[in-house]
Amino acid sequence: MTTDTGEPAFPLAYESDGLLRVYWGMTLRDYFAAKAIQGICASKQNKLFQDMETLARGAYVIADAMLEARDNP
């Protein structure tokens, strides 16, 4: 199963030596996960996560739900 990562969160196109170059940056999924984990860590409820791996996986569950919500408003 391939996870939909959304489009790039911070794409950047620029010209260098007459060639168009594109830097895609992080994926939208990674950006959403970063924002989710930031909120989780700031919350007093973060003790619900038993370890760092569970915390990280939880952030990606939230990110995946956010991507799904974008596709099905």
Protein backbone atom coordinates (compact mmCIF):
# COMPACT_ATOMS: atom_id res chain seq x y z
CA MET A 1 0.00 0.00 0.00
CA THR A 2 1.34 3.41 -0.95
CA THR A 3 0.49 6.31 1.31
CA ASP A 4 -0.69 9.49 -0.40
CA THR A 5 1.77 12.15 0.71
CA GLY A 6 -0.12 15.06 -0.82
CA GLU A 7 1.63 17.56 -2.98
CA PRO A 8 4.85 19.28 -1.92
CA ALA A 9 4.35 21.63 1.02
CA PHE A 10 6.96 24.17 -0.05
CA PRO A 11 7.86 23.77 -3.74
CA LEU A 12 10.37 26.20 -5.15
CA ALA A 13 11.17 26.68 -8.83
CA TYR A 14 14.13 28.76 -9.91
CA GLU A 15 16.31 29.26 -12.95
CA SER A 16 20.00 28.48 -12.79
CA ASP A 17 22.40 28.44 -15.74
CA GLY A 18 19.44 28.75 -18.10
CA LEU A 19 17.77 25.63 -16.67
CA LEU A 20 14.58 25.51 -14.66
CA ARG A 21 15.29 23.70 -11.41
CA VAL A 22 12.67 22.57 -8.94
CA TYR A 23 13.15 21.86 -5.25
CA TRP A 24 10.11 20.06 -3.91
CA GLY A 25 10.76 20.46 -0.18
CA MET A 26 8.88 18.34 2.33
CA THR A 27 5.65 16.59 1.54
CA LEU A 28 2.35 17.96 2.73
CA ARG A 29 1.95 14.77 4.81
CA ASP A 30 5.23 15.46 6.61
CA TYR A 31 4.22 19.09 7.18
CA PHE A 32 0.86 18.05 8.64
CA ALA A 33 2.58 15.45 10.87
CA ALA A 34 5.05 18.07 12.11
CA LYS A 35 2.21 20.41 13.03
CA ALA A 36 0.29 17.58 14.71
CA ILE A 37 3.27 16.47 16.79
CA GLN A 38 3.90 20.09 17.79
CA GLY A 39 0.36 20.32 19.13
CA ILE A 40 0.57 16.95 20.85
CA CYS A 41 3.82 17.88 22.59
CA ALA A 42 2.38 21.21 23.73
CA SER A 43 -0.67 19.50 25.23
CA LYS A 44 -0.88 18.20 28.76
CA GLN A 45 -2.66 15.20 27.23
CA ASN A 46 0.55 13.98 25.55
CA LYS A 47 1.04 11.47 28.38
CA LEU A 48 -1.41 9.28 26.45
CA PHE A 49 1.53 8.33 24.23
CA GLN A 50 3.74 5.73 25.87
CA ASP A 51 6.93 6.33 23.88
CA MET A 52 8.41 8.43 21.10
CA GLU A 53 7.63 5.92 18.34
CA THR A 54 3.97 5.84 19.34
CA LEU A 55 3.98 9.64 19.45
CA ALA A 56 5.45 9.87 15.93
CA ARG A 57 3.04 7.27 14.55
CA GLY A 58 0.14 9.16 16.11
CA ALA A 59 1.21 12.35 14.34
CA TYR A 60 1.12 10.53 10.99
CA VAL A 61 -2.32 9.09 11.74
CA ILE A 62 -3.50 12.65 12.25
CA ALA A 63 -1.69 13.81 9.09
CA ASP A 64 -3.32 11.05 7.05
CA ALA A 65 -6.73 12.06 8.40
CA MET A 66 -6.02 15.67 7.41
CA LEU A 67 -5.12 14.62 3.86
CA GLU A 68 -8.29 12.53 3.68
CA ALA A 69 -10.37 15.47 4.87
CA ARG A 70 -8.92 17.63 2.10
CA ASP A 71 -10.04 15.08 -0.51
CA ASN A 72 -13.53 14.70 0.97
CA PRO A 73 -14.71 18.10 2.24
